[in-house]
Amino acid sequence: MKTTTILATIGSIMSLGGVSATCYGSGDDWPNTEEARSFVWDACYANGGMFTGNFAPRQAKSMCPRSGSRSLGLLFEVQNLNSNTGFDLGNDDCYNRLTNEIFGCGKGGESTVAGWRFKADPGNC
């Protein structure tokens, strides 16, 4: 009974939050996932990091650090999808969602969770 209740609750939350996720089927692979994770950590947690602070309504913030000997650009993007209100994205949410795209999708991907869009795409900048 508890498992059914928990699953029903999770399903309700996900349907209300508008969760969707896509892994890209083509493009470059991550040249170094740990280096990519480090870039995301800095962007989400460091003082003045690219994805810290307030996001205005519909605002997108992106960065394109270079990785590895090929100097491959790694596109990371976060967008507030709310058209009326600005928000400050939690540091943990920022980090967890973007690292999900790194480690869950070999060629990058994007997801929409609770009014936020997260994108990580190696070689697309």
PDB file of N, CA and C in Angstrom:
ATOM      1  N   MET A   1       0.819  -1.195   0.000  1.00  0.00           N
ATOM      2  CA  MET A   1       0.000   0.000   0.000  1.00  0.00           C
ATOM      3  C   MET A   1       0.863   1.261   0.000  1.00  0.00           C
ATOM      4  N   LYS A   2       1.925   1.256   0.810  1.00  0.00           N
ATOM      5  CA  LYS A   2       2.778   2.432   0.878  1.00  0.00           C
ATOM      6  C   LYS A   2       3.452   2.699  -0.459  1.00  0.00           C
ATOM      7  N   THR A   3       3.934   1.660  -1.119  1.00  0.00           N
ATOM      8  CA  THR A   3       4.600   1.837  -2.408  1.00  0.00           C
ATOM      9  C   THR A   3       3.646   2.443  -3.425  1.00  0.00           C
ATOM     10  N   THR A   4       2.418   1.955  -3.465  1.00  0.00           N
ATOM     11  CA  THR A   4       1.430   2.490  -4.398  1.00  0.00           C
ATOM     12  C   THR A   4       1.153   3.961  -4.105  1.00  0.00           C
ATOM     13  N   THR A   5       1.018   4.299  -2.842  1.00  0.00           N
ATOM     14  CA  THR A   5       0.770   5.688  -2.456  1.00  0.00           C
ATOM     15  C   THR A   5       1.941   6.579  -2.843  1.00  0.00           C
ATOM     16  N   ILE A   6       3.147   6.113  -2.588  1.00  0.00           N
ATOM     17  CA  ILE A   6       4.341   6.891  -2.934  1.00  0.00           C
ATOM     18  C   ILE A   6       4.418   7.092  -4.438  1.00  0.00           C
ATOM     19  N   LEU A   7       4.204   6.037  -5.211  1.00  0.00           N
ATOM     20  CA  LEU A   7       4.260   6.154  -6.669  1.00  0.00           C
ATOM     21  C   LEU A   7       3.174   7.083  -7.197  1.00  0.00           C
ATOM     22  N   ALA A   8       1.995   7.009  -6.633  1.00  0.00           N
ATOM     23  CA  ALA A   8       0.915   7.901  -7.066  1.00  0.00           C
ATOM     24  C   ALA A   8       1.255   9.353  -6.746  1.00  0.00           C
ATOM     25  N   THR A   9       1.845   9.582  -5.586  1.00  0.00           N
ATOM     26  CA  THR A   9       2.239  10.941  -5.207  1.00  0.00           C
ATOM     27  C   THR A   9       3.319  11.475  -6.133  1.00  0.00           C
ATOM     28  N   ILE A  10       4.327  10.668  -6.414  1.00  0.00           N
ATOM     29  CA  ILE A  10       5.395  11.086  -7.330  1.00  0.00           C
ATOM     30  C   ILE A  10       4.823  11.382  -8.707  1.00  0.00           C
ATOM     31  N   GLY A  11       3.942  10.535  -9.184  1.00  0.00           N
ATOM     32  CA  GLY A  11       3.316  10.761 -10.486  1.00  0.00           C
ATOM     33  C   GLY A  11       2.535  12.060 -10.524  1.00  0.00           C
ATOM     34  N   SER A  12       1.824  12.360  -9.441  1.00  0.00           N
ATOM     35  CA  SER A  12       1.067  13.613  -9.379  1.00  0.00           C
ATOM     36  C   SER A  12       1.987  14.820  -9.392  1.00  0.00           C
ATOM     37  N   ILE A  13       3.043  14.751  -8.628  1.00  0.00           N
ATOM     38  CA  ILE A  13       3.994  15.862  -8.579  1.00  0.00           C
ATOM     39  C   ILE A  13       4.621  16.080  -9.944  1.00  0.00           C
ATOM     40  N   MET A  14       5.022  14.998 -10.596  1.00  0.00           N
ATOM     41  CA  MET A  14       5.666  15.125 -11.899  1.00  0.00           C
ATOM     42  C   MET A  14       4.706  15.694 -12.937  1.00  0.00           C
ATOM     43  N   SER A  15       3.453  15.288 -12.905  1.00  0.00           N
ATOM     44  CA  SER A  15       2.514  15.803 -13.902  1.00  0.00           C
ATOM     45  C   SER A  15       2.207  17.276 -13.663  1.00  0.00           C
ATOM     46  N   LEU A  16       2.186  17.694 -12.410  1.00  0.00           N
ATOM     47  CA  LEU A  16       1.955  19.102 -12.112  1.00  0.00           C
ATOM     48  C   LEU A  16       3.176  19.949 -12.432  1.00  0.00           C
ATOM     49  N   GLY A  17       4.370  19.376 -12.267  1.00  0.00           N
ATOM     50  CA  GLY A  17       5.594  20.122 -12.475  1.00  0.00           C
ATOM     51  C   GLY A  17       6.030  20.176 -13.918  1.00  0.00           C
ATOM     52  N   GLY A  18       5.389  19.456 -14.791  1.00  0.00           N
ATOM     53  CA  GLY A  18       5.750  19.482 -16.194  1.00  0.00           C
ATOM     54  C   GLY A  18       7.148  18.961 -16.447  1.00  0.00           C
ATOM     55  N   VAL A  19       7.433  17.740 -16.038  1.00  0.00           N
ATOM     56  CA  VAL A  19       8.760  17.161 -16.201  1.00  0.00           C
ATOM     57  C   VAL A  19       8.881  16.524 -17.575  1.00  0.00           C
ATOM     58  N   SER A  20       9.948  16.863 -18.286  1.00  0.00           N
ATOM     59  CA  SER A  20      10.270  16.181 -19.536  1.00  0.00           C
ATOM     60  C   SER A  20      11.780  16.148 -19.674  1.00  0.00           C
ATOM     61  N   ALA A  21      12.288  15.133 -20.363  1.00  0.00           N
ATOM     62  CA  ALA A  21      13.735  14.999 -20.548  1.00  0.00           C
ATOM     63  C   ALA A  21      14.021  14.342 -21.884  1.00  0.00           C
ATOM     64  N   THR A  22      15.099  14.791 -22.520  1.00  0.00           N
ATOM     65  CA  THR A  22      15.513  14.248 -23.808  1.00  0.00           C
ATOM     66  C   THR A  22      17.028  14.150 -23.845  1.00  0.00           C
ATOM     67  N   CYS A  23      17.532  12.999 -24.262  1.00  0.00           N
ATOM     68  CA  CYS A  23      18.960  12.853 -24.553  1.00  0.00           C
ATOM     69  C   CYS A  23      19.142  13.018 -26.052  1.00  0.00           C
ATOM     70  N   TYR A  24      20.207  13.702 -26.440  1.00  0.00           N
ATOM     71  CA  TYR A  24      20.484  13.884 -27.859  1.00  0.00           C
ATOM     72  C   TYR A  24      21.043  12.590 -28.443  1.00  0.00           C
ATOM     73  N   GLY A  25      20.617  12.256 -29.656  1.00  0.00           N
ATOM     74  CA  GLY A  25      21.036  11.021 -30.304  1.00  0.00           C
ATOM     75  C   GLY A  25      22.244  11.173 -31.202  1.00  0.00           C
ATOM     76  N   SER A  26      22.662  12.394 -31.458  1.00  0.00           N
ATOM     77  CA  SER A  26      23.829  12.614 -32.316  1.00  0.00           C
ATOM     78  C   SER A  26      24.616  13.798 -31.774  1.00  0.00           C
ATOM     79  N   GLY A  27      25.792  14.001 -32.326  1.00  0.00           N
ATOM     80  CA  GLY A  27      26.659  15.087 -31.879  1.00  0.00           C
ATOM     81  C   GLY A  27      27.868  14.543 -31.160  1.00  0.00           C
ATOM     82  N   ASP A  28      28.594  15.440 -30.527  1.00  0.00           N
ATOM     83  CA  ASP A  28      29.824  15.070 -29.823  1.00  0.00           C
ATOM     84  C   ASP A  28      29.523  14.412 -28.489  1.00  0.00           C
ATOM     85  N   ASP A  29      30.414  13.502 -28.093  1.00  0.00           N
ATOM     86  CA  ASP A  29      30.371  12.915 -26.756  1.00  0.00           C
ATOM     87  C   ASP A  29      31.061  13.864 -25.781  1.00  0.00           C
ATOM     88  N   TRP A  30      30.799  13.682 -24.498  1.00  0.00           N
ATOM     89  CA  TRP A  30      31.506  14.452 -23.480  1.00  0.00           C
ATOM     90  C   TRP A  30      32.977  14.057 -23.515  1.00  0.00           C
ATOM     91  N   PRO A  31      33.907  15.002 -23.695  1.00  0.00           N
ATOM     92  CA  PRO A  31      35.322  14.641 -23.727  1.00  0.00           C
ATOM     93  C   PRO A  31      35.849  14.239 -22.353  1.00  0.00           C
ATOM     94  N   ASN A  32      35.286  14.821 -21.283  1.00  0.00           N
ATOM     95  CA  ASN A  32      35.737  14.534 -19.929  1.00  0.00           C
ATOM     96  C   ASN A  32      34.591  14.902 -18.983  1.00  0.00           C
ATOM     97  N   THR A  33      33.860  13.899 -18.516  1.00  0.00           N
ATOM     98  CA  THR A  33      32.675  14.170 -17.696  1.00  0.00           C
ATOM     99  C   THR A  33      33.029  14.832 -16.366  1.00  0.00           C
ATOM    100  N   GLU A  34      34.173  14.473 -15.786  1.00  0.00           N
ATOM    101  CA  GLU A  34      34.549  15.089 -14.509  1.00  0.00           C
ATOM    102  C   GLU A  34      34.892  16.566 -14.684  1.00  0.00           C
ATOM    103  N   GLU A  35      35.536  16.907 -15.791  1.00  0.00           N
ATOM    104  CA  GLU A  35      35.815  18.310 -16.064  1.00  0.00           C
ATOM    105  C   GLU A  35      34.504  19.073 -16.287  1.00  0.00           C
ATOM    106  N   ALA A  36      33.570  18.464 -17.020  1.00  0.00           N
ATOM    107  CA  ALA A  36      32.261  19.088 -17.244  1.00  0.00           C
ATOM    108  C   ALA A  36      31.542  19.309 -15.916  1.00  0.00           C
ATOM    109  N   ARG A  37      31.611  18.310 -15.033  1.00  0.00           N
ATOM    110  CA  ARG A  37      30.991  18.439 -13.708  1.00  0.00           C
ATOM    111  C   ARG A  37      31.611  19.614 -12.941  1.00  0.00           C
ATOM    112  N   SER A  38      32.917  19.779 -13.052  1.00  0.00           N
ATOM    113  CA  SER A  38      33.608  20.876 -12.375  1.00  0.00           C
ATOM    114  C   SER A  38      33.144  22.241 -12.894  1.00  0.00           C
ATOM    115  N   PHE A  39      32.964  22.361 -14.207  1.00  0.00           N
ATOM    116  CA  PHE A  39      32.444  23.609 -14.776  1.00  0.00           C
ATOM    117  C   PHE A  39      31.057  23.920 -14.211  1.00  0.00           C
ATOM    118  N   VAL A  40      30.218  22.891 -14.113  1.00  0.00           N
ATOM    119  CA  VAL A  40      28.857  23.072 -13.598  1.00  0.00           C
ATOM    120  C   VAL A  40      28.889  23.453 -12.121  1.00  0.00           C
ATOM    121  N   TRP A  41      29.768  22.818 -11.345  1.00  0.00           N
ATOM    122  CA  TRP A  41      29.867  23.157  -9.922  1.00  0.00           C
ATOM    123  C   TRP A  41      30.179  24.642  -9.769  1.00  0.00           C
ATOM    124  N   ASP A  42      31.182  25.124 -10.497  1.00  0.00           N
ATOM    125  CA  ASP A  42      31.546  26.544 -10.420  1.00  0.00           C
ATOM    126  C   ASP A  42      30.377  27.445 -10.811  1.00  0.00           C
ATOM    127  N   ALA A  43      29.658  27.083 -11.855  1.00  0.00           N
ATOM    128  CA  ALA A  43      28.553  27.914 -12.347  1.00  0.00           C
ATOM    129  C   ALA A  43      27.380  27.947 -11.375  1.00  0.00           C
ATOM    130  N   CYS A  44      27.177  26.865 -10.631  1.00  0.00           N
ATOM    131  CA  CYS A  44      26.017  26.771  -9.737  1.00  0.00           C
ATOM    132  C   CYS A  44      26.309  27.184  -8.293  1.00  0.00           C
ATOM    133  N   TYR A  45      27.552  27.008  -7.838  1.00  0.00           N
ATOM    134  CA  TYR A  45      27.868  27.247  -6.428  1.00  0.00           C
ATOM    135  C   TYR A  45      28.818  28.410  -6.164  1.00  0.00           C
ATOM    136  N   ALA A  46      29.728  28.695  -7.075  1.00  0.00           N
ATOM    137  CA  ALA A  46      30.751  29.710  -6.806  1.00  0.00           C
ATOM    138  C   ALA A  46      30.132  31.103  -6.694  1.00  0.00           C
ATOM    139  N   ASN A  47      30.721  31.929  -5.871  1.00  0.00           N
ATOM    140  CA  ASN A  47      30.279  33.316  -5.741  1.00  0.00           C
ATOM    141  C   ASN A  47      30.402  33.990  -7.105  1.00  0.00           C
ATOM    142  N   GLY A  48      29.308  34.494  -7.626  1.00  0.00           N
ATOM    143  CA  GLY A  48      29.320  35.104  -8.955  1.00  0.00           C
ATOM    144  C   GLY A  48      29.264  34.097 -10.086  1.00  0.00           C
ATOM    145  N   GLY A  49      28.926  32.838  -9.775  1.00  0.00           N
ATOM    146  CA  GLY A  49      28.823  31.806 -10.813  1.00  0.00           C
ATOM    147  C   GLY A  49      27.750  32.153 -11.837  1.00  0.00           C
ATOM    148  N   MET A  50      27.922  31.658 -13.038  1.00  0.00           N
ATOM    149  CA  MET A  50      27.042  31.994 -14.162  1.00  0.00           C
ATOM    150  C   MET A  50      25.560  31.759 -13.857  1.00  0.00           C
ATOM    151  N   PHE A  51      25.232  30.703 -13.115  1.00  0.00           N
ATOM    152  CA  PHE A  51      23.829  30.360 -12.892  1.00  0.00           C
ATOM    153  C   PHE A  51      23.336  30.704 -11.486  1.00  0.00           C
ATOM    154  N   THR A  52      24.111  31.492 -10.747  1.00  0.00           N
ATOM    155  CA  THR A  52      23.661  31.929  -9.427  1.00  0.00           C
ATOM    156  C   THR A  52      22.856  33.217  -9.571  1.00  0.00           C
ATOM    157  N   GLY A  53      22.130  33.550  -8.524  1.00  0.00           N
ATOM    158  CA  GLY A  53      21.370  34.798  -8.537  1.00  0.00           C
ATOM    159  C   GLY A  53      20.003  34.658  -9.176  1.00  0.00           C
ATOM    160  N   ASN A  54      19.350  35.780  -9.332  1.00  0.00           N
ATOM    161  CA  ASN A  54      17.979  35.815  -9.834  1.00  0.00           C
ATOM    162  C   ASN A  54      17.913  35.635 -11.351  1.00  0.00           C
ATOM    163  N   PHE A  55      16.874  34.958 -11.790  1.00  0.00           N
ATOM    164  CA  PHE A  55      16.545  34.844 -13.210  1.00  0.00           C
ATOM    165  C   PHE A  55      15.256  35.627 -13.433  1.00  0.00           C
ATOM    166  N   ALA A  56      15.276  36.593 -14.304  1.00  0.00           N
ATOM    167  CA  ALA A  56      14.076  37.348 -14.659  1.00  0.00           C
ATOM    168  C   ALA A  56      13.093  36.420 -15.380  1.00  0.00           C
ATOM    169  N   PRO A  57      11.828  36.819 -15.523  1.00  0.00           N
ATOM    170  CA  PRO A  57      10.881  35.993 -16.276  1.00  0.00           C
ATOM    171  C   PRO A  57      11.429  35.651 -17.666  1.00  0.00           C
ATOM    172  N   ARG A  58      11.380  34.375 -18.019  1.00  0.00           N
ATOM    173  CA  ARG A  58      11.813  33.826 -19.320  1.00  0.00           C
ATOM    174  C   ARG A  58      13.316  33.978 -19.591  1.00  0.00           C
ATOM    175  N   GLN A  59      14.082  34.455 -18.623  1.00  0.00           N
ATOM    176  CA  GLN A  59      15.513  34.669 -18.838  1.00  0.00           C
ATOM    177  C   GLN A  59      16.266  33.354 -18.952  1.00  0.00           C
ATOM    178  N   ALA A  60      17.171  33.294 -19.919  1.00  0.00           N
ATOM    179  CA  ALA A  60      18.089  32.167 -20.078  1.00  0.00           C
ATOM    180  C   ALA A  60      19.504  32.668 -19.824  1.00  0.00           C
ATOM    181  N   LYS A  61      20.285  31.857 -19.135  1.00  0.00           N
ATOM    182  CA  LYS A  61      21.705  32.135 -18.929  1.00  0.00           C
ATOM    183  C   LYS A  61      22.469  30.948 -19.502  1.00  0.00           C
ATOM    184  N   SER A  62      23.576  31.231 -20.187  1.00  0.00           N
ATOM    185  CA  SER A  62      24.348  30.138 -20.775  1.00  0.00           C
ATOM    186  C   SER A  62      25.835  30.416 -20.642  1.00  0.00           C
ATOM    187  N   MET A  63      26.614  29.350 -20.788  1.00  0.00           N
ATOM    188  CA  MET A  63      28.068  29.463 -20.801  1.00  0.00           C
ATOM    189  C   MET A  63      28.619  28.400 -21.734  1.00  0.00           C
ATOM    190  N   CYS A  64      29.849  28.628 -22.198  1.00  0.00           N
ATOM    191  CA  CYS A  64      30.475  27.691 -23.130  1.00  0.00           C
ATOM    192  C   CYS A  64      31.962  27.537 -22.809  1.00  0.00           C
ATOM    193  N   PRO A  65      32.285  26.845 -21.697  1.00  0.00           N
ATOM    194  CA  PRO A  65      33.697  26.607 -21.408  1.00  0.00           C
ATOM    195  C   PRO A  65      34.298  25.626 -22.414  1.00  0.00           C
ATOM    196  N   ARG A  66      35.603  25.694 -22.589  1.00  0.00           N
ATOM    197  CA  ARG A  66      36.322  24.816 -23.527  1.00  0.00           C
ATOM    198  C   ARG A  66      36.920  23.648 -22.764  1.00  0.00           C
ATOM    199  N   SER A  67      36.881  22.469 -23.386  1.00  0.00           N
ATOM    200  CA  SER A  67      37.324  21.259 -22.710  1.00  0.00           C
ATOM    201  C   SER A  67      38.307  20.460 -23.551  1.00  0.00           C
ATOM    202  N   GLY A  68      39.305  19.934 -22.887  1.00  0.00           N
ATOM    203  CA  GLY A  68      40.189  18.949 -23.492  1.00  0.00           C
ATOM    204  C   GLY A  68      41.127  19.484 -24.553  1.00  0.00           C
ATOM    205  N   SER A  69      41.890  18.557 -25.116  1.00  0.00           N
ATOM    206  CA  SER A  69      42.904  18.916 -26.110  1.00  0.00           C
ATOM    207  C   SER A  69      42.274  19.441 -27.398  1.00  0.00           C
ATOM    208  N   ARG A  70      41.038  19.050 -27.677  1.00  0.00           N
ATOM    209  CA  ARG A  70      40.341  19.543 -28.875  1.00  0.00           C
ATOM    210  C   ARG A  70      39.711  20.912 -28.634  1.00  0.00           C
ATOM    211  N   SER A  71      39.759  21.367 -27.401  1.00  0.00           N
ATOM    212  CA  SER A  71      39.149  22.643 -27.022  1.00  0.00           C
ATOM    213  C   SER A  71      37.678  22.697 -27.442  1.00  0.00           C
ATOM    214  N   LEU A  72      36.980  21.585 -27.188  1.00  0.00           N
ATOM    215  CA  LEU A  72      35.568  21.463 -27.543  1.00  0.00           C
ATOM    216  C   LEU A  72      34.722  22.346 -26.632  1.00  0.00           C
ATOM    217  N   GLY A  73      33.850  23.155 -27.207  1.00  0.00           N
ATOM    218  CA  GLY A  73      32.950  23.991 -26.420  1.00  0.00           C
ATOM    219  C   GLY A  73      31.829  23.159 -25.816  1.00  0.00           C
ATOM    220  N   LEU A  74      31.571  23.373 -24.541  1.00  0.00           N
ATOM    221  CA  LEU A  74      30.499  22.668 -23.835  1.00  0.00           C
ATOM    222  C   LEU A  74      29.411  23.681 -23.508  1.00  0.00           C
ATOM    223  N   LEU A  75      28.265  23.546 -24.149  1.00  0.00           N
ATOM    224  CA  LEU A  75      27.162  24.473 -23.912  1.00  0.00           C
ATOM    225  C   LEU A  75      26.365  24.031 -22.692  1.00  0.00           C
ATOM    226  N   PHE A  76      26.225  24.938 -21.741  1.00  0.00           N
ATOM    227  CA  PHE A  76      25.353  24.741 -20.587  1.00  0.00           C
ATOM    228  C   PHE A  76      24.387  25.912 -20.565  1.00  0.00           C
ATOM    229  N   GLU A  77      23.100  25.601 -20.379  1.00  0.00           N
ATOM    230  CA  GLU A  77      22.091  26.660 -20.391  1.00  0.00           C
ATOM    231  C   GLU A  77      21.013  26.345 -19.372  1.00  0.00           C
ATOM    232  N   VAL A  78      20.558  27.383 -18.684  1.00  0.00           N
ATOM    233  CA  VAL A  78      19.456  27.277 -17.728  1.00  0.00           C
ATOM    234  C   VAL A  78      18.486  28.407 -18.036  1.00  0.00           C
ATOM    235  N   GLN A  79      17.179  28.095 -18.049  1.00  0.00           N
ATOM    236  CA  GLN A  79      16.178  29.114 -18.345  1.00  0.00           C
ATOM    237  C   GLN A  79      15.012  29.019 -17.378  1.00  0.00           C
ATOM    238  N   ASN A  80      14.597  30.177 -16.867  1.00  0.00           N
ATOM    239  CA  ASN A  80      13.368  30.306 -16.097  1.00  0.00           C
ATOM    240  C   ASN A  80      12.225  30.379 -17.111  1.00  0.00           C
ATOM    241  N   LEU A  81      11.334  29.411 -17.113  1.00  0.00           N
ATOM    242  CA  LEU A  81      10.248  29.369 -18.091  1.00  0.00           C
ATOM    243  C   LEU A  81       9.020  30.171 -17.667  1.00  0.00           C
ATOM    244  N   ASN A  82       9.022  30.705 -16.455  1.00  0.00           N
ATOM    245  CA  ASN A  82       7.886  31.496 -15.993  1.00  0.00           C
ATOM    246  C   ASN A  82       7.877  32.843 -16.702  1.00  0.00           C
ATOM    247  N   SER A  83       6.760  33.199 -17.292  1.00  0.00           N
ATOM    248  CA  SER A  83       6.682  34.451 -18.050  1.00  0.00           C
ATOM    249  C   SER A  83       6.261  35.646 -17.193  1.00  0.00           C
ATOM    250  N   ASN A  84       5.948  35.418 -15.914  1.00  0.00           N
ATOM    251  CA  ASN A  84       5.474  36.510 -15.062  1.00  0.00           C
ATOM    252  C   ASN A  84       6.386  36.859 -13.897  1.00  0.00           C
ATOM    253  N   THR A  85       7.138  35.884 -13.410  1.00  0.00           N
ATOM    254  CA  THR A  85       7.871  36.078 -12.164  1.00  0.00           C
ATOM    255  C   THR A  85       9.318  35.641 -12.292  1.00  0.00           C
ATOM    256  N   GLY A  86      10.209  36.415 -11.698  1.00  0.00           N
ATOM    257  CA  GLY A  86      11.610  36.032 -11.608  1.00  0.00           C
ATOM    258  C   GLY A  86      11.837  35.146 -10.395  1.00  0.00           C
ATOM    259  N   PHE A  87      12.847  34.293 -10.464  1.00  0.00           N
ATOM    260  CA  PHE A  87      13.167  33.380  -9.371  1.00  0.00           C
ATOM    261  C   PHE A  87      14.671  33.239  -9.236  1.00  0.00           C
ATOM    262  N   ASP A  88      15.095  32.819  -8.050  1.00  0.00           N
ATOM    263  CA  ASP A  88      16.480  32.447  -7.797  1.00  0.00           C
ATOM    264  C   ASP A  88      16.517  30.926  -7.756  1.00  0.00           C
ATOM    265  N   LEU A  89      17.177  30.318  -8.707  1.00  0.00           N
ATOM    266  CA  LEU A  89      17.285  28.862  -8.767  1.00  0.00           C
ATOM    267  C   LEU A  89      18.182  28.378  -7.634  1.00  0.00           C
ATOM    268  N   GLY A  90      17.739  27.358  -6.915  1.00  0.00           N
ATOM    269  CA  GLY A  90      18.557  26.785  -5.854  1.00  0.00           C
ATOM    270  C   GLY A  90      19.844  26.188  -6.412  1.00  0.00           C
ATOM    271  N   ASN A  91      20.948  26.380  -5.694  1.00  0.00           N
ATOM    272  CA  ASN A  91      22.238  25.873  -6.155  1.00  0.00           C
ATOM    273  C   ASN A  91      22.223  24.366  -6.372  1.00  0.00           C
ATOM    274  N   ASP A  92      21.620  23.624  -5.440  1.00  0.00           N
ATOM    275  CA  ASP A  92      21.564  22.167  -5.578  1.00  0.00           C
ATOM    276  C   ASP A  92      20.743  21.756  -6.793  1.00  0.00           C
ATOM    277  N   ASP A  93      19.619  22.434  -7.023  1.00  0.00           N
ATOM    278  CA  ASP A  93      18.802  22.121  -8.204  1.00  0.00           C
ATOM    279  C   ASP A  93      19.596  22.364  -9.480  1.00  0.00           C
ATOM    280  N   CYS A  94      20.285  23.476  -9.541  1.00  0.00           N
ATOM    281  CA  CYS A  94      21.114  23.807 -10.700  1.00  0.00           C
ATOM    282  C   CYS A  94      22.135  22.699 -10.957  1.00  0.00           C
ATOM    283  N   TYR A  95      22.902  22.367  -9.938  1.00  0.00           N
ATOM    284  CA  TYR A  95      23.972  21.374 -10.068  1.00  0.00           C
ATOM    285  C   TYR A  95      23.424  19.988 -10.413  1.00  0.00           C
ATOM    286  N   ASN A  96      22.413  19.550  -9.681  1.00  0.00           N
ATOM    287  CA  ASN A  96      21.875  18.205  -9.898  1.00  0.00           C
ATOM    288  C   ASN A  96      21.265  18.044 -11.283  1.00  0.00           C
ATOM    289  N   ARG A  97      20.514  19.028 -11.737  1.00  0.00           N
ATOM    290  CA  ARG A  97      19.858  18.921 -13.052  1.00  0.00           C
ATOM    291  C   ARG A  97      20.880  18.924 -14.186  1.00  0.00           C
ATOM    292  N   LEU A  98      21.883  19.798 -14.112  1.00  0.00           N
ATOM    293  CA  LEU A  98      22.875  19.836 -15.195  1.00  0.00           C
ATOM    294  C   LEU A  98      23.782  18.604 -15.178  1.00  0.00           C
ATOM    295  N   THR A  99      24.156  18.123 -13.985  1.00  0.00           N
ATOM    296  CA  THR A  99      24.984  16.909 -13.962  1.00  0.00           C
ATOM    297  C   THR A  99      24.178  15.690 -14.401  1.00  0.00           C
ATOM    298  N   ASN A 100      22.861  15.697 -14.215  1.00  0.00           N
ATOM    299  CA  ASN A 100      22.035  14.616 -14.770  1.00  0.00           C
ATOM    300  C   ASN A 100      22.201  14.547 -16.283  1.00  0.00           C
ATOM    301  N   GLU A 101      22.276  15.700 -16.935  1.00  0.00           N
ATOM    302  CA  GLU A 101      22.434  15.726 -18.396  1.00  0.00           C
ATOM    303  C   GLU A 101      23.819  15.227 -18.808  1.00  0.00           C
ATOM    304  N   ILE A 102      24.829  15.504 -17.993  1.00  0.00           N
ATOM    305  CA  ILE A 102      26.192  15.055 -18.307  1.00  0.00           C
ATOM    306  C   ILE A 102      26.296  13.542 -18.164  1.00  0.00           C
ATOM    307  N   PHE A 103      25.885  13.020 -17.010  1.00  0.00           N
ATOM    308  CA  PHE A 103      26.092  11.603 -16.723  1.00  0.00           C
ATOM    309  C   PHE A 103      24.970  10.712 -17.231  1.00  0.00           C
ATOM    310  N   GLY A 104      23.821  11.292 -17.534  1.00  0.00           N
ATOM    311  CA  GLY A 104      22.707  10.497 -18.038  1.00  0.00           C
ATOM    312  C   GLY A 104      22.605  10.460 -19.547  1.00  0.00           C
ATOM    313  N   CYS A 105      23.309  11.360 -20.225  1.00  0.00           N
ATOM    314  CA  CYS A 105      23.205  11.476 -21.682  1.00  0.00           C
ATOM    315  C   CYS A 105      24.604  11.646 -22.276  1.00  0.00           C
ATOM    316  N   GLY A 106      25.102  10.630 -22.932  1.00  0.00           N
ATOM    317  CA  GLY A 106      26.465  10.637 -23.461  1.00  0.00           C
ATOM    318  C   GLY A 106      26.754  11.738 -24.457  1.00  0.00           C
ATOM    319  N   LYS A 107      25.731  12.214 -25.143  1.00  0.00           N
ATOM    320  CA  LYS A 107      25.901  13.298 -26.117  1.00  0.00           C
ATOM    321  C   LYS A 107      25.186  14.574 -25.666  1.00  0.00           C
ATOM    322  N   GLY A 108      24.854  14.628 -24.388  1.00  0.00           N
ATOM    323  CA  GLY A 108      24.141  15.775 -23.850  1.00  0.00           C
ATOM    324  C   GLY A 108      22.641  15.603 -23.963  1.00  0.00           C
ATOM    325  N   GLY A 109      21.925  16.558 -23.405  1.00  0.00           N
ATOM    326  CA  GLY A 109      20.476  16.497 -23.441  1.00  0.00           C
ATOM    327  C   GLY A 109      19.876  17.703 -22.758  1.00  0.00           C
ATOM    328  N   GLU A 110      18.559  17.688 -22.648  1.00  0.00           N
ATOM    329  CA  GLU A 110      17.878  18.772 -21.948  1.00  0.00           C
ATOM    330  C   GLU A 110      16.668  18.239 -21.214  1.00  0.00           C
ATOM    331  N   SER A 111      16.294  18.959 -20.176  1.00  0.00           N
ATOM    332  CA  SER A 111      15.126  18.582 -19.390  1.00  0.00           C
ATOM    333  C   SER A 111      14.400  19.841 -18.937  1.00  0.00           C
ATOM    334  N   THR A 112      13.124  19.667 -18.695  1.00  0.00           N
ATOM    335  CA  THR A 112      12.291  20.726 -18.143  1.00  0.00           C
ATOM    336  C   THR A 112      11.708  20.190 -16.847  1.00  0.00           C
ATOM    337  N   VAL A 113      11.961  20.918 -15.760  1.00  0.00           N
ATOM    338  CA  VAL A 113      11.513  20.485 -14.444  1.00  0.00           C
ATOM    339  C   VAL A 113      11.008  21.700 -13.674  1.00  0.00           C
ATOM    340  N   ALA A 114       9.759  21.640 -13.243  1.00  0.00           N
ATOM    341  CA  ALA A 114       9.184  22.658 -12.354  1.00  0.00           C
ATOM    342  C   ALA A 114       9.420  24.085 -12.843  1.00  0.00           C
ATOM    343  N   GLY A 115       9.201  24.305 -14.123  1.00  0.00           N
ATOM    344  CA  GLY A 115       9.308  25.657 -14.658  1.00  0.00           C
ATOM    345  C   GLY A 115      10.711  26.108 -15.030  1.00  0.00           C
ATOM    346  N   TRP A 116      11.646  25.180 -15.071  1.00  0.00           N
ATOM    347  CA  TRP A 116      13.029  25.470 -15.448  1.00  0.00           C
ATOM    348  C   TRP A 116      13.445  24.541 -16.580  1.00  0.00           C
ATOM    349  N   ARG A 117      14.234  25.065 -17.523  1.00  0.00           N
ATOM    350  CA  ARG A 117      14.808  24.240 -18.596  1.00  0.00           C
ATOM    351  C   ARG A 117      16.314  24.184 -18.390  1.00  0.00           C
ATOM    352  N   PHE A 118      16.860  22.969 -18.459  1.00  0.00           N
ATOM    353  CA  PHE A 118      18.285  22.722 -18.281  1.00  0.00           C
ATOM    354  C   PHE A 118      18.817  22.054 -19.545  1.00  0.00           C
ATOM    355  N   LYS A 119      19.921  22.564 -20.063  1.00  0.00           N
ATOM    356  CA  LYS A 119      20.492  22.023 -21.297  1.00  0.00           C
ATOM    357  C   LYS A 119      21.995  21.882 -21.123  1.00  0.00           C
ATOM    358  N   ALA A 120      22.530  20.746 -21.572  1.00  0.00           N
ATOM    359  CA  ALA A 120      23.972  20.506 -21.575  1.00  0.00           C
ATOM    360  C   ALA A 120      24.296  19.808 -22.891  1.00  0.00           C
ATOM    361  N   ASP A 121      25.159  20.424 -23.705  1.00  0.00           N
ATOM    362  CA  ASP A 121      25.380  19.936 -25.068  1.00  0.00           C
ATOM    363  C   ASP A 121      26.843  20.120 -25.479  1.00  0.00           C
ATOM    364  N   PRO A 122      27.635  19.032 -25.445  1.00  0.00           N
ATOM    365  CA  PRO A 122      29.037  19.156 -25.847  1.00  0.00           C
ATOM    366  C   PRO A 122      29.161  19.427 -27.343  1.00  0.00           C
ATOM    367  N   GLY A 123      30.021  20.379 -27.693  1.00  0.00           N
ATOM    368  CA  GLY A 123      30.293  20.670 -29.098  1.00  0.00           C
ATOM    369  C   GLY A 123      29.278  21.550 -29.780  1.00  0.00           C
ATOM    370  N   ASN A 124      28.405  22.200 -29.029  1.00  0.00           N
ATOM    371  CA  ASN A 124      27.352  23.001 -29.657  1.00  0.00           C
ATOM    372  C   ASN A 124      27.532  24.503 -29.420  1.00  0.00           C
ATOM    373  N   CYS A 125      28.768  24.946 -29.286  1.00  0.00           N
ATOM    374  CA  CYS A 125      29.019  26.390 -29.166  1.00  0.00           C
ATOM    375  C   CYS A 125      30.447  26.692 -29.589  1.00  0.00           C
TER     376      CYS A 125
END
